[in-house]
């Protein structure tokens, strides 16, 4: 899978990311770092322990990473979760979290196929 094909699968804009990160090597490097980032798992750990401030911080971090890396589908679902946690209360819904889980799994799968 090429980077362009990966971004198509992710619903992202390869040209936009390329304009920020300047070359394929840099994009690939940061996508690799994304797969090791713990923000996604941190959201669920914090939700389980009812630490909504930590859940918000983790969701906000995930959202920012997705925005910078052009992971559009995951960005949109992480945005919803971030906003549902913004007041440090849990206003997430199971559907919202399921959408984010699905988009995260799809993103990780596409990145690992590079």
C-alpha atoms as a PDB file:
ATOM      1  CA  UNK A   1       0.000   0.000   0.000  1.00  0.00           C
ATOM      2  CA  UNK A   2       1.316   3.437  -0.895  1.00  0.00           C
ATOM      3  CA  UNK A   3       0.925   6.494   1.314  1.00  0.00           C
ATOM      4  CA  UNK A   4      -1.650   7.915  -1.086  1.00  0.00           C
ATOM      5  CA  UNK A   5      -3.658   4.684  -0.917  1.00  0.00           C
ATOM      6  CA  UNK A   6      -3.339   4.697   2.865  1.00  0.00           C
ATOM      7  CA  UNK A   7      -4.719   8.214   3.063  1.00  0.00           C
ATOM      8  CA  UNK A   8      -7.549   7.327   0.722  1.00  0.00           C
ATOM      9  CA  UNK A   9      -8.450   4.430   3.054  1.00  0.00           C
ATOM     10  CA  UNK A  10      -8.235   6.799   6.035  1.00  0.00           C
ATOM     11  CA  UNK A  11     -10.488   9.364   4.380  1.00  0.00           C
ATOM     12  CA  UNK A  12      -7.606  11.805   4.613  1.00  0.00           C
ATOM     13  CA  UNK A  13      -6.016  14.328   2.313  1.00  0.00           C
ATOM     14  CA  UNK A  14      -2.533  13.118   1.386  1.00  0.00           C
ATOM     15  CA  UNK A  15      -1.611  16.343  -0.427  1.00  0.00           C
ATOM     16  CA  UNK A  16      -2.527  18.418   2.625  1.00  0.00           C
ATOM     17  CA  UNK A  17      -0.397  16.283   4.936  1.00  0.00           C
ATOM     18  CA  UNK A  18       2.457  16.328   2.434  1.00  0.00           C
ATOM     19  CA  UNK A  19       2.368  20.131   2.412  1.00  0.00           C
ATOM     20  CA  UNK A  20       2.880  20.112   6.213  1.00  0.00           C
ATOM     21  CA  UNK A  21       5.328  17.268   6.643  1.00  0.00           C
ATOM     22  CA  UNK A  22       7.189  17.857   3.335  1.00  0.00           C
ATOM     23  CA  UNK A  23       8.001  14.265   2.273  1.00  0.00           C
ATOM     24  CA  UNK A  24       6.842  10.663   2.441  1.00  0.00           C
ATOM     25  CA  UNK A  25       9.637   9.652   4.801  1.00  0.00           C
ATOM     26  CA  UNK A  26       8.521  12.217   7.382  1.00  0.00           C
ATOM     27  CA  UNK A  27       4.850  11.240   7.036  1.00  0.00           C
ATOM     28  CA  UNK A  28       5.703   7.559   7.439  1.00  0.00           C
ATOM     29  CA  UNK A  29       7.835   8.346  10.498  1.00  0.00           C
ATOM     30  CA  UNK A  30       5.009  10.201  12.250  1.00  0.00           C
ATOM     31  CA  UNK A  31       2.380   7.643  11.292  1.00  0.00           C
ATOM     32  CA  UNK A  32       4.631   5.035  12.909  1.00  0.00           C
ATOM     33  CA  UNK A  33       4.867   7.135  16.053  1.00  0.00           C
ATOM     34  CA  UNK A  34       1.074   7.474  16.019  1.00  0.00           C
ATOM     35  CA  UNK A  35       0.658   3.702  16.320  1.00  0.00           C
ATOM     36  CA  UNK A  36       2.739   3.791  19.524  1.00  0.00           C
ATOM     37  CA  UNK A  37       0.861   6.731  21.063  1.00  0.00           C
ATOM     38  CA  UNK A  38      -1.194   5.818  24.139  1.00  0.00           C
ATOM     39  CA  UNK A  39      -3.821   8.577  23.949  1.00  0.00           C
ATOM     40  CA  UNK A  40      -6.518   6.314  22.540  1.00  0.00           C
ATOM     41  CA  UNK A  41      -6.130   3.714  25.291  1.00  0.00           C
ATOM     42  CA  UNK A  42      -5.754   6.462  27.888  1.00  0.00           C
ATOM     43  CA  UNK A  43      -9.260   7.710  27.059  1.00  0.00           C
ATOM     44  CA  UNK A  44     -10.848   4.396  28.009  1.00  0.00           C
ATOM     45  CA  UNK A  45      -8.649   3.898  31.060  1.00  0.00           C
ATOM     46  CA  UNK A  46      -9.648   7.330  32.347  1.00  0.00           C
ATOM     47  CA  UNK A  47     -13.338   6.771  31.546  1.00  0.00           C
ATOM     48  CA  UNK A  48     -13.261   3.464  33.438  1.00  0.00           C
ATOM     49  CA  UNK A  49     -11.824   5.219  36.494  1.00  0.00           C
ATOM     50  CA  UNK A  50     -14.220   8.168  36.068  1.00  0.00           C
ATOM     51  CA  UNK A  51     -11.297  10.581  35.665  1.00  0.00           C
ATOM     52  CA  UNK A  52     -13.033  12.779  33.114  1.00  0.00           C
ATOM     53  CA  UNK A  53     -10.342  15.445  33.105  1.00  0.00           C
ATOM     54  CA  UNK A  54      -7.726  12.861  32.110  1.00  0.00           C
ATOM     55  CA  UNK A  55     -10.144  11.414  29.535  1.00  0.00           C
ATOM     56  CA  UNK A  56     -10.624  14.892  28.068  1.00  0.00           C
ATOM     57  CA  UNK A  57      -6.850  15.485  27.891  1.00  0.00           C
ATOM     58  CA  UNK A  58      -6.292  12.140  26.158  1.00  0.00           C
ATOM     59  CA  UNK A  59      -9.147  12.726  23.690  1.00  0.00           C
ATOM     60  CA  UNK A  60      -7.856  16.235  22.973  1.00  0.00           C
ATOM     61  CA  UNK A  61      -4.372  14.843  22.316  1.00  0.00           C
ATOM     62  CA  UNK A  62      -5.751  12.159  20.002  1.00  0.00           C
ATOM     63  CA  UNK A  63      -7.809  14.759  18.158  1.00  0.00           C
ATOM     64  CA  UNK A  64      -4.760  16.971  17.650  1.00  0.00           C
ATOM     65  CA  UNK A  65      -2.591  14.123  16.419  1.00  0.00           C
ATOM     66  CA  UNK A  66      -5.273  13.107  13.942  1.00  0.00           C
ATOM     67  CA  UNK A  67      -5.676  16.654  12.689  1.00  0.00           C
ATOM     68  CA  UNK A  68      -1.942  17.088  12.132  1.00  0.00           C
ATOM     69  CA  UNK A  69      -1.572  13.689  10.463  1.00  0.00           C
ATOM     70  CA  UNK A  70      -4.681  14.086   8.300  1.00  0.00           C
ATOM     71  CA  UNK A  71      -6.517  11.101   9.783  1.00  0.00           C
ATOM     72  CA  UNK A  72      -9.866  12.691   8.956  1.00  0.00           C
ATOM     73  CA  UNK A  73     -12.329   9.968   9.955  1.00  0.00           C
ATOM     74  CA  UNK A  74     -10.646   9.395  13.293  1.00  0.00           C
ATOM     75  CA  UNK A  75     -10.273  13.144  13.806  1.00  0.00           C
ATOM     76  CA  UNK A  76     -14.031  13.663  13.423  1.00  0.00           C
ATOM     77  CA  UNK A  77     -14.911  10.927  15.911  1.00  0.00           C
ATOM     78  CA  UNK A  78     -12.199  12.026  18.373  1.00  0.00           C
ATOM     79  CA  UNK A  79     -13.550  15.580  18.080  1.00  0.00           C
ATOM     80  CA  UNK A  80     -17.010  14.389  19.158  1.00  0.00           C
ATOM     81  CA  UNK A  81     -15.559  12.554  22.158  1.00  0.00           C
ATOM     82  CA  UNK A  82     -13.406  15.548  23.099  1.00  0.00           C
ATOM     83  CA  UNK A  83     -16.408  17.858  23.062  1.00  0.00           C
ATOM     84  CA  UNK A  84     -18.461  15.365  25.093  1.00  0.00           C
ATOM     85  CA  UNK A  85     -15.746  15.469  27.771  1.00  0.00           C
ATOM     86  CA  UNK A  86     -14.904  19.181  27.559  1.00  0.00           C
ATOM     87  CA  UNK A  87     -16.750  20.107  30.770  1.00  0.00           C
ATOM     88  CA  UNK A  88     -14.873  17.340  32.621  1.00  0.00           C
ATOM     89  CA  UNK A  89     -18.086  15.322  32.751  1.00  0.00           C
ATOM     90  CA  UNK A  90     -18.875  12.207  30.736  1.00  0.00           C
ATOM     91  CA  UNK A  91     -21.392  13.123  28.078  1.00  0.00           C
ATOM     92  CA  UNK A  92     -20.150  10.495  25.651  1.00  0.00           C
ATOM     93  CA  UNK A  93     -22.538   7.951  24.201  1.00  0.00           C
ATOM     94  CA  UNK A  94     -21.860   4.304  23.386  1.00  0.00           C
ATOM     95  CA  UNK A  95     -22.399   5.128  19.701  1.00  0.00           C
ATOM     96  CA  UNK A  96     -19.844   7.928  19.860  1.00  0.00           C
ATOM     97  CA  UNK A  97     -17.247   5.676  21.488  1.00  0.00           C
ATOM     98  CA  UNK A  98     -18.004   2.812  19.086  1.00  0.00           C
ATOM     99  CA  UNK A  99     -17.498   5.135  16.114  1.00  0.00           C
ATOM    100  CA  UNK A 100     -14.141   6.247  17.493  1.00  0.00           C
ATOM    101  CA  UNK A 101     -13.114   2.621  18.196  1.00  0.00           C
ATOM    102  CA  UNK A 102     -14.004   1.596  14.659  1.00  0.00           C
ATOM    103  CA  UNK A 103     -12.169   4.537  13.103  1.00  0.00           C
ATOM    104  CA  UNK A 104      -9.124   3.936  15.304  1.00  0.00           C
ATOM    105  CA  UNK A 105      -8.945   0.264  14.353  1.00  0.00           C
ATOM    106  CA  UNK A 106      -9.288   1.165  10.664  1.00  0.00           C
ATOM    107  CA  UNK A 107      -6.546   3.782  10.944  1.00  0.00           C
ATOM    108  CA  UNK A 108      -4.135   1.438  12.722  1.00  0.00           C
ATOM    109  CA  UNK A 109      -4.810  -1.318  10.179  1.00  0.00           C
ATOM    110  CA  UNK A 110      -4.198   1.023   7.224  1.00  0.00           C
ATOM    111  CA  UNK A 111      -0.998   2.395   8.769  1.00  0.00           C
ATOM    112  CA  UNK A 112       0.346  -1.082   9.482  1.00  0.00           C
ATOM    113  CA  UNK A 113      -0.253  -2.026   5.832  1.00  0.00           C
ATOM    114  CA  UNK A 114       2.193   0.640   4.664  1.00  0.00           C
END
